[in-house]
Amino acid sequence: MSILFTSQDGVDEVKHIAGEPSIVAPGQPRSGRFNPTPIAPSKAANTLAVKPEPSRKARRKAADISALYKKTWRNLRRTERVGLAMEAIKRDGGEALSLNFGIPRQLSTQRLQDPRRVFEKALSKQLGLAGLPSLKFVMTLEVTPDGCGTQSRVHTHGAVATAGLTGDQRDRLRAALCKAASVAVGAIGGDRQLVMKPMTCASGWMDYCLKDQAKTKAALGIDNLWVMTRQAHHAAKALHGECRRAGTSNAA
């Protein structure tokens, strides 16, 4: 199984994960700046010092890939590459997804230096065990802060290319996703843990995925929230090259 990791300086690196890596990766404990509320909503206000979230107009501009063909692949920002991957997945009959973390995965976000990386490894392991190691996937972590009318929990939004999967493979995919996030129970469990729907507008879904990025980065203490498989990376790069050769984005 190969997963694409993107470092904080934007350099892409492909690493191969052999065997069955532990869900909880070794590493230094992280400071507990984020305290999820898996059972009941916290009444305390979110006091983290965070950068203001971009306006809706700014998010839509960041999610719009229509002008990215003018830039070289090397000069694209991480979110721009993810936006291209999202569009490639949509064109490939992909689905948008939202996935709640179960309590064990919620609690691990407090202890680990990079909870995104650990979730990435768990996802790689479970997809491999399900016999689905080569799917195009992009996902981002998100924390909904207290005071938003909901509990402060970590969850994910993203997209996966599901065209051509059989019914049995789809069932295995859903099970693998829930296991990677740790199976949830109660109000966030069962059918509510994972929602998958056909993606009709990649830029609109990308806009939604970007809405709480600044707060989530501050809450988790990490700079990169995105998980993108090597297959999705290759699809994004191929789409970018196609657009540059045509001299238009073909995505309007």
C-alpha atoms as a PDB file:
ATOM      1  CA  MET A   1       0.000   0.000   0.000  1.00  0.00           C
ATOM      2  CA  SER A   2       1.389   3.389  -0.947  1.00  0.00           C
ATOM      3  CA  ILE A   3       0.183   6.656   0.529  1.00  0.00           C
ATOM      4  CA  LEU A   4       1.176  10.137  -0.523  1.00  0.00           C
ATOM      5  CA  PHE A   5       2.384  12.268   2.358  1.00  0.00           C
ATOM      6  CA  THR A   6       2.719  16.029   2.004  1.00  0.00           C
ATOM      7  CA  SER A   7       5.144  17.740   4.330  1.00  0.00           C
ATOM      8  CA  GLN A   8       4.575  21.179   5.825  1.00  0.00           C
ATOM      9  CA  ASP A   9       6.759  22.789   3.189  1.00  0.00           C
ATOM     10  CA  GLY A  10       4.539  21.367   0.457  1.00  0.00           C
ATOM     11  CA  VAL A  11       6.983  18.704  -0.780  1.00  0.00           C
ATOM     12  CA  ASP A  12       5.281  15.483  -1.830  1.00  0.00           C
ATOM     13  CA  GLU A  13       6.746  12.196  -0.682  1.00  0.00           C
ATOM     14  CA  VAL A  14       5.460   8.716  -1.435  1.00  0.00           C
ATOM     15  CA  LYS A  15       6.012   6.164   1.303  1.00  0.00           C
ATOM     16  CA  HIS A  16       5.270   2.464   1.165  1.00  0.00           C
ATOM     17  CA  ILE A  17       3.605   0.930   4.176  1.00  0.00           C
ATOM     18  CA  ALA A  18       4.507  -2.719   4.576  1.00  0.00           C
ATOM     19  CA  GLY A  19       2.597  -5.307   6.534  1.00  0.00           C
ATOM     20  CA  GLU A  20      -0.121  -4.262   8.924  1.00  0.00           C
ATOM     21  CA  PRO A  21       0.943  -1.094  10.764  1.00  0.00           C
ATOM     22  CA  SER A  22      -0.396  -0.425  14.219  1.00  0.00           C
ATOM     23  CA  ILE A  23      -3.399   1.846  14.408  1.00  0.00           C
ATOM     24  CA  VAL A  24      -1.638   3.833  17.135  1.00  0.00           C
ATOM     25  CA  ALA A  25       1.725   4.795  15.721  1.00  0.00           C
ATOM     26  CA  PRO A  26       4.719   5.260  17.994  1.00  0.00           C
ATOM     27  CA  GLY A  27       5.837   8.786  18.651  1.00  0.00           C
ATOM     28  CA  GLN A  28       5.969  11.520  21.188  1.00  0.00           C
ATOM     29  CA  PRO A  29       2.774  12.396  23.041  1.00  0.00           C
ATOM     30  CA  ARG A  30       1.243  15.684  21.986  1.00  0.00           C
ATOM     31  CA  SER A  31      -0.012  18.421  24.254  1.00  0.00           C
ATOM     32  CA  GLY A  32      -3.726  18.122  24.939  1.00  0.00           C
ATOM     33  CA  ARG A  33      -4.948  21.309  23.294  1.00  0.00           C
ATOM     34  CA  PHE A  34      -8.069  19.669  21.940  1.00  0.00           C
ATOM     35  CA  ASN A  35     -10.530  17.895  24.203  1.00  0.00           C
ATOM     36  CA  PRO A  36     -13.262  16.153  22.214  1.00  0.00           C
ATOM     37  CA  THR A  37     -16.651  15.639  23.791  1.00  0.00           C
ATOM     38  CA  PRO A  38     -17.676  12.151  22.665  1.00  0.00           C
ATOM     39  CA  ILE A  39     -20.532  11.771  25.135  1.00  0.00           C
ATOM     40  CA  ALA A  40     -22.039  15.180  25.805  1.00  0.00           C
ATOM     41  CA  PRO A  41     -21.502  18.711  24.465  1.00  0.00           C
ATOM     42  CA  SER A  42     -19.119  20.887  26.399  1.00  0.00           C
ATOM     43  CA  LYS A  43     -20.549  24.089  27.839  1.00  0.00           C
ATOM     44  CA  ALA A  44     -17.188  25.825  27.794  1.00  0.00           C
ATOM     45  CA  ALA A  45     -16.464  28.284  25.026  1.00  0.00           C
ATOM     46  CA  ASN A  46     -13.712  27.534  22.571  1.00  0.00           C
ATOM     47  CA  THR A  47     -10.879  29.726  23.806  1.00  0.00           C
ATOM     48  CA  LEU A  48      -8.235  28.703  21.313  1.00  0.00           C
ATOM     49  CA  ALA A  49      -6.455  31.549  19.579  1.00  0.00           C
ATOM     50  CA  VAL A  50      -7.086  30.798  15.921  1.00  0.00           C
ATOM     51  CA  LYS A  51      -6.779  32.610  12.667  1.00  0.00           C
ATOM     52  CA  PRO A  52     -10.070  33.867  11.257  1.00  0.00           C
ATOM     53  CA  GLU A  53     -11.672  31.529   8.772  1.00  0.00           C
ATOM     54  CA  PRO A  54     -11.629  32.792   5.165  1.00  0.00           C
ATOM     55  CA  SER A  55     -14.804  34.327   3.819  1.00  0.00           C
ATOM     56  CA  ARG A  56     -17.151  32.281   1.655  1.00  0.00           C
ATOM     57  CA  LYS A  57     -15.883  34.204  -1.374  1.00  0.00           C
ATOM     58  CA  ALA A  58     -12.257  33.406  -0.503  1.00  0.00           C
ATOM     59  CA  ARG A  59     -13.089  29.722   0.040  1.00  0.00           C
ATOM     60  CA  ARG A  60     -14.898  29.488  -3.280  1.00  0.00           C
ATOM     61  CA  LYS A  61     -11.904  31.072  -5.011  1.00  0.00           C
ATOM     62  CA  ALA A  62      -9.580  28.531  -3.370  1.00  0.00           C
ATOM     63  CA  ALA A  63     -11.879  25.678  -4.411  1.00  0.00           C
ATOM     64  CA  ASP A  64     -12.206  26.888  -8.011  1.00  0.00           C
ATOM     65  CA  ILE A  65      -9.789  24.985 -10.250  1.00  0.00           C
ATOM     66  CA  SER A  66     -10.734  26.818 -13.445  1.00  0.00           C
ATOM     67  CA  ALA A  67      -7.494  28.841 -13.565  1.00  0.00           C
ATOM     68  CA  LEU A  68      -5.059  26.269 -12.184  1.00  0.00           C
ATOM     69  CA  TYR A  69      -3.915  25.203 -15.647  1.00  0.00           C
ATOM     70  CA  LYS A  70      -2.010  28.514 -15.796  1.00  0.00           C
ATOM     71  CA  LYS A  71       0.270  27.367 -12.968  1.00  0.00           C
ATOM     72  CA  THR A  72       2.854  24.601 -13.147  1.00  0.00           C
ATOM     73  CA  TRP A  73       2.257  21.520 -11.022  1.00  0.00           C
ATOM     74  CA  ARG A  74       5.263  22.384  -8.864  1.00  0.00           C
ATOM     75  CA  ASN A  75       3.773  25.787  -8.030  1.00  0.00           C
ATOM     76  CA  LEU A  76       0.347  24.513  -6.980  1.00  0.00           C
ATOM     77  CA  ARG A  77      -0.550  24.778  -3.308  1.00  0.00           C
ATOM     78  CA  ARG A  78      -1.644  21.705  -1.374  1.00  0.00           C
ATOM     79  CA  THR A  79      -5.315  22.713  -1.429  1.00  0.00           C
ATOM     80  CA  GLU A  80      -5.121  23.327  -5.185  1.00  0.00           C
ATOM     81  CA  ARG A  81      -3.798  19.820  -5.774  1.00  0.00           C
ATOM     82  CA  VAL A  82      -6.527  18.403  -3.553  1.00  0.00           C
ATOM     83  CA  GLY A  83      -9.109  20.409  -5.530  1.00  0.00           C
ATOM     84  CA  LEU A  84      -7.855  18.845  -8.745  1.00  0.00           C
ATOM     85  CA  ALA A  85      -8.006  15.390  -7.146  1.00  0.00           C
ATOM     86  CA  MET A  86     -11.579  16.092  -6.041  1.00  0.00           C
ATOM     87  CA  GLU A  87     -12.544  17.047  -9.606  1.00  0.00           C
ATOM     88  CA  ALA A  88     -10.809  13.955 -11.014  1.00  0.00           C
ATOM     89  CA  ILE A  89     -12.702  11.746  -8.558  1.00  0.00           C
ATOM     90  CA  LYS A  90     -16.004  13.413  -9.461  1.00  0.00           C
ATOM     91  CA  ARG A  91     -15.361  12.803 -13.169  1.00  0.00           C
ATOM     92  CA  ASP A  92     -14.575   9.188 -12.340  1.00  0.00           C
ATOM     93  CA  GLY A  93     -18.015   8.666 -10.815  1.00  0.00           C
ATOM     94  CA  GLY A  94     -16.896   9.442  -7.283  1.00  0.00           C
ATOM     95  CA  GLU A  95     -18.863  10.008  -4.120  1.00  0.00           C
ATOM     96  CA  ALA A  96     -18.636  12.619  -1.389  1.00  0.00           C
ATOM     97  CA  LEU A  97     -18.348  11.198   2.101  1.00  0.00           C
ATOM     98  CA  SER A  98     -18.530  12.290   5.727  1.00  0.00           C
ATOM     99  CA  LEU A  99     -17.192  10.022   8.468  1.00  0.00           C
ATOM    100  CA  ASN A 100     -17.524  10.389  12.252  1.00  0.00           C
ATOM    101  CA  PHE A 101     -14.717   9.180  14.502  1.00  0.00           C
ATOM    102  CA  GLY A 102     -15.567   6.660  17.201  1.00  0.00           C
ATOM    103  CA  ILE A 103     -14.558   7.332  20.793  1.00  0.00           C
ATOM    104  CA  PRO A 104     -11.142   5.553  20.659  1.00  0.00           C
ATOM    105  CA  ARG A 105     -10.108   7.552  17.589  1.00  0.00           C
ATOM    106  CA  GLN A 106     -11.520  10.729  19.157  1.00  0.00           C
ATOM    107  CA  LEU A 107      -9.424  10.247  22.279  1.00  0.00           C
ATOM    108  CA  SER A 108      -6.292   9.456  20.271  1.00  0.00           C
ATOM    109  CA  THR A 109      -6.397  12.949  18.756  1.00  0.00           C
ATOM    110  CA  GLN A 110      -5.459  14.311  22.189  1.00  0.00           C
ATOM    111  CA  ARG A 111      -2.448  12.074  22.702  1.00  0.00           C
ATOM    112  CA  LEU A 112      -0.721  11.900  19.348  1.00  0.00           C
ATOM    113  CA  GLN A 113       1.695  14.333  17.766  1.00  0.00           C
ATOM    114  CA  ASP A 114       0.052  13.941  14.339  1.00  0.00           C
ATOM    115  CA  PRO A 115      -3.433  12.376  14.500  1.00  0.00           C
ATOM    116  CA  ARG A 116      -3.879  12.845  10.743  1.00  0.00           C
ATOM    117  CA  ARG A 117      -0.876  10.636   9.995  1.00  0.00           C
ATOM    118  CA  VAL A 118      -2.109   7.950  12.383  1.00  0.00           C
ATOM    119  CA  PHE A 119      -5.571   7.963  10.809  1.00  0.00           C
ATOM    120  CA  GLU A 120      -3.917   7.796   7.377  1.00  0.00           C
ATOM    121  CA  LYS A 121      -2.030   4.652   8.382  1.00  0.00           C
ATOM    122  CA  ALA A 122      -5.149   3.097   9.894  1.00  0.00           C
ATOM    123  CA  LEU A 123      -7.062   3.816   6.685  1.00  0.00           C
ATOM    124  CA  SER A 124      -4.284   2.272   4.598  1.00  0.00           C
ATOM    125  CA  LYS A 125      -4.312  -0.833   6.768  1.00  0.00           C
ATOM    126  CA  GLN A 126      -8.075  -1.316   6.660  1.00  0.00           C
ATOM    127  CA  LEU A 127      -8.348  -0.746   2.909  1.00  0.00           C
ATOM    128  CA  GLY A 128      -5.590  -3.305   2.391  1.00  0.00           C
ATOM    129  CA  LEU A 129      -7.347  -5.845   4.592  1.00  0.00           C
ATOM    130  CA  ALA A 130     -10.572  -5.206   2.661  1.00  0.00           C
ATOM    131  CA  GLY A 131      -8.818  -5.920  -0.636  1.00  0.00           C
ATOM    132  CA  LEU A 132      -9.247  -2.319  -1.815  1.00  0.00           C
ATOM    133  CA  PRO A 133      -5.714  -0.861  -1.737  1.00  0.00           C
ATOM    134  CA  SER A 134      -5.873   1.179  -4.950  1.00  0.00           C
ATOM    135  CA  LEU A 135      -8.808   3.553  -4.563  1.00  0.00           C
ATOM    136  CA  LYS A 136      -8.636   7.267  -5.293  1.00  0.00           C
ATOM    137  CA  PHE A 137      -9.238   8.965  -1.943  1.00  0.00           C
ATOM    138  CA  VAL A 138      -9.003  12.477  -0.532  1.00  0.00           C
ATOM    139  CA  MET A 139     -10.087  13.297   3.009  1.00  0.00           C
ATOM    140  CA  THR A 140      -9.638  16.121   5.479  1.00  0.00           C
ATOM    141  CA  LEU A 141      -9.975  16.169   9.246  1.00  0.00           C
ATOM    142  CA  GLU A 142     -12.396  18.658  10.740  1.00  0.00           C
ATOM    143  CA  VAL A 143     -13.234  19.760  14.267  1.00  0.00           C
ATOM    144  CA  THR A 144     -16.580  21.421  14.784  1.00  0.00           C
ATOM    145  CA  PRO A 145     -15.868  23.876  17.630  1.00  0.00           C
ATOM    146  CA  ASP A 146     -18.083  24.242  20.679  1.00  0.00           C
ATOM    147  CA  GLY A 147     -20.698  26.926  20.274  1.00  0.00           C
ATOM    148  CA  CYS A 148     -21.763  25.765  16.797  1.00  0.00           C
ATOM    149  CA  GLY A 149     -24.868  23.987  18.041  1.00  0.00           C
ATOM    150  CA  THR A 150     -23.125  20.615  17.994  1.00  0.00           C
ATOM    151  CA  GLN A 151     -20.610  18.599  19.972  1.00  0.00           C
ATOM    152  CA  SER A 152     -16.896  19.255  19.565  1.00  0.00           C
ATOM    153  CA  ARG A 153     -15.798  16.133  17.727  1.00  0.00           C
ATOM    154  CA  VAL A 154     -13.264  15.218  15.079  1.00  0.00           C
ATOM    155  CA  HIS A 155     -14.716  13.885  11.851  1.00  0.00           C
ATOM    156  CA  THR A 156     -13.711  13.787   8.203  1.00  0.00           C
ATOM    157  CA  HIS A 157     -15.049  14.939   4.861  1.00  0.00           C
ATOM    158  CA  GLY A 158     -13.743  13.801   1.514  1.00  0.00           C
ATOM    159  CA  ALA A 159     -14.316  11.909  -1.708  1.00  0.00           C
ATOM    160  CA  VAL A 160     -13.666   8.438  -3.076  1.00  0.00           C
ATOM    161  CA  ALA A 161     -13.868   6.989  -6.578  1.00  0.00           C
ATOM    162  CA  THR A 162     -16.389   4.148  -6.367  1.00  0.00           C
ATOM    163  CA  ALA A 163     -17.272   3.571 -10.038  1.00  0.00           C
ATOM    164  CA  GLY A 164     -17.038  -0.098 -10.924  1.00  0.00           C
ATOM    165  CA  LEU A 165     -17.202  -1.401  -7.354  1.00  0.00           C
ATOM    166  CA  THR A 166     -19.495  -4.337  -6.766  1.00  0.00           C
ATOM    167  CA  GLY A 167     -22.043  -4.357  -3.975  1.00  0.00           C
ATOM    168  CA  ASP A 168     -19.755  -6.555  -1.884  1.00  0.00           C
ATOM    169  CA  GLN A 169     -16.803  -4.230  -2.455  1.00  0.00           C
ATOM    170  CA  ARG A 170     -18.890  -1.221  -1.418  1.00  0.00           C
ATOM    171  CA  ASP A 171     -19.856  -3.018   1.790  1.00  0.00           C
ATOM    172  CA  ARG A 172     -16.194  -3.793   2.480  1.00  0.00           C
ATOM    173  CA  LEU A 173     -15.270  -0.168   1.754  1.00  0.00           C
ATOM    174  CA  ARG A 174     -17.836   1.131   4.238  1.00  0.00           C
ATOM    175  CA  ALA A 175     -16.679  -1.340   6.882  1.00  0.00           C
ATOM    176  CA  ALA A 176     -13.022  -0.404   6.312  1.00  0.00           C
ATOM    177  CA  LEU A 177     -13.757   3.307   6.697  1.00  0.00           C
ATOM    178  CA  CYS A 178     -15.638   2.777   9.948  1.00  0.00           C
ATOM    179  CA  LYS A 179     -12.888   0.548  11.345  1.00  0.00           C
ATOM    180  CA  ALA A 180     -10.213   3.099  10.440  1.00  0.00           C
ATOM    181  CA  ALA A 181     -12.188   5.767  12.296  1.00  0.00           C
ATOM    182  CA  SER A 182     -13.031   3.246  15.075  1.00  0.00           C
ATOM    183  CA  VAL A 183     -16.614   2.067  15.051  1.00  0.00           C
ATOM    184  CA  ALA A 184     -18.906   4.658  16.623  1.00  0.00           C
ATOM    185  CA  VAL A 185     -21.988   3.997  18.734  1.00  0.00           C
ATOM    186  CA  GLY A 186     -24.931   6.038  19.908  1.00  0.00           C
ATOM    187  CA  ALA A 187     -25.897   9.284  18.211  1.00  0.00           C
ATOM    188  CA  ILE A 188     -22.867   9.252  15.889  1.00  0.00           C
ATOM    189  CA  GLY A 189     -22.877   5.522  15.188  1.00  0.00           C
ATOM    190  CA  GLY A 190     -24.750   3.130  12.955  1.00  0.00           C
ATOM    191  CA  ASP A 191     -25.945   4.659   9.705  1.00  0.00           C
ATOM    192  CA  ARG A 192     -24.906   8.103  10.950  1.00  0.00           C
ATOM    193  CA  GLN A 193     -21.222   7.284  11.214  1.00  0.00           C
ATOM    194  CA  LEU A 194     -20.649   7.206   7.464  1.00  0.00           C
ATOM    195  CA  VAL A 195     -22.623   9.042   4.798  1.00  0.00           C
ATOM    196  CA  MET A 196     -21.740   8.608   1.106  1.00  0.00           C
ATOM    197  CA  LYS A 197     -23.535  10.384  -1.742  1.00  0.00           C
ATOM    198  CA  PRO A 198     -22.809  10.934  -5.449  1.00  0.00           C
ATOM    199  CA  MET A 199     -20.717  14.081  -5.898  1.00  0.00           C
ATOM    200  CA  THR A 200     -22.323  16.487  -8.345  1.00  0.00           C
ATOM    201  CA  CYS A 201     -20.068  19.538  -7.861  1.00  0.00           C
ATOM    202  CA  ALA A 202     -16.438  19.071  -6.877  1.00  0.00           C
ATOM    203  CA  SER A 203     -15.757  22.771  -6.258  1.00  0.00           C
ATOM    204  CA  GLY A 204     -18.846  23.117  -4.070  1.00  0.00           C
ATOM    205  CA  TRP A 205     -17.855  20.109  -1.967  1.00  0.00           C
ATOM    206  CA  MET A 206     -14.274  21.355  -1.767  1.00  0.00           C
ATOM    207  CA  ASP A 207     -15.598  24.706  -0.535  1.00  0.00           C
ATOM    208  CA  TYR A 208     -17.475  22.883   2.232  1.00  0.00           C
ATOM    209  CA  CYS A 209     -14.373  20.893   3.193  1.00  0.00           C
ATOM    210  CA  LEU A 210     -12.405  24.131   3.644  1.00  0.00           C
ATOM    211  CA  LYS A 211     -14.883  25.892   5.940  1.00  0.00           C
ATOM    212  CA  ASP A 212     -13.280  25.058   9.325  1.00  0.00           C
ATOM    213  CA  GLN A 213      -9.653  24.441   8.342  1.00  0.00           C
ATOM    214  CA  ALA A 214      -8.099  27.216  10.447  1.00  0.00           C
ATOM    215  CA  LYS A 215      -9.961  26.199  13.616  1.00  0.00           C
ATOM    216  CA  THR A 216      -9.149  22.542  13.063  1.00  0.00           C
ATOM    217  CA  LYS A 217      -5.438  23.193  12.533  1.00  0.00           C
ATOM    218  CA  ALA A 218      -5.324  25.189  15.752  1.00  0.00           C
ATOM    219  CA  ALA A 219      -7.337  22.603  17.713  1.00  0.00           C
ATOM    220  CA  LEU A 220      -5.231  19.629  16.592  1.00  0.00           C
ATOM    221  CA  GLY A 221      -1.920  21.467  16.483  1.00  0.00           C
ATOM    222  CA  ILE A 222      -1.044  20.305  12.967  1.00  0.00           C
ATOM    223  CA  ASP A 223      -0.584  22.139   9.676  1.00  0.00           C
ATOM    224  CA  ASN A 224      -1.702  19.492   7.188  1.00  0.00           C
ATOM    225  CA  LEU A 225      -5.221  18.069   7.554  1.00  0.00           C
ATOM    226  CA  TRP A 226      -5.421  16.257   4.201  1.00  0.00           C
ATOM    227  CA  VAL A 227      -5.150  12.563   3.422  1.00  0.00           C
ATOM    228  CA  MET A 228      -4.633  11.804  -0.275  1.00  0.00           C
ATOM    229  CA  THR A 229      -3.736   8.437  -1.739  1.00  0.00           C
ATOM    230  CA  ARG A 230      -1.088   8.098  -4.409  1.00  0.00           C
ATOM    231  CA  GLN A 231      -3.790   7.118  -6.906  1.00  0.00           C
ATOM    232  CA  ALA A 232      -5.680  10.380  -6.258  1.00  0.00           C
ATOM    233  CA  HIS A 233      -2.429  12.328  -6.551  1.00  0.00           C
ATOM    234  CA  HIS A 234      -1.713  10.767  -9.940  1.00  0.00           C
ATOM    235  CA  ALA A 235      -5.267  11.497 -11.103  1.00  0.00           C
ATOM    236  CA  ALA A 236      -4.929  15.144 -10.039  1.00  0.00           C
ATOM    237  CA  LYS A 237      -1.603  15.512 -11.831  1.00  0.00           C
ATOM    238  CA  ALA A 238      -3.001  13.893 -14.982  1.00  0.00           C
ATOM    239  CA  LEU A 239      -6.012  16.232 -14.979  1.00  0.00           C
ATOM    240  CA  HIS A 240      -3.759  19.244 -14.508  1.00  0.00           C
ATOM    241  CA  GLY A 241      -1.588  18.165 -17.423  1.00  0.00           C
ATOM    242  CA  GLU A 242      -4.648  17.616 -19.610  1.00  0.00           C
ATOM    243  CA  CYS A 243      -5.918  21.097 -18.779  1.00  0.00           C
ATOM    244  CA  ARG A 244      -2.572  22.720 -19.505  1.00  0.00           C
ATOM    245  CA  ARG A 245      -2.302  20.980 -22.853  1.00  0.00           C
ATOM    246  CA  ALA A 246      -5.788  22.094 -23.795  1.00  0.00           C
ATOM    247  CA  GLY A 247      -5.126  25.631 -22.595  1.00  0.00           C
ATOM    248  CA  THR A 248      -8.318  25.602 -20.551  1.00  0.00           C
ATOM    249  CA  SER A 249      -9.458  24.069 -17.293  1.00  0.00           C
ATOM    250  CA  ASN A 250     -12.403  22.135 -18.761  1.00  0.00           C
ATOM    251  CA  ALA A 251     -13.804  22.451 -15.248  1.00  0.00           C
ATOM    252  CA  ALA A 252     -16.029  25.494 -15.438  1.00  0.00           C
END
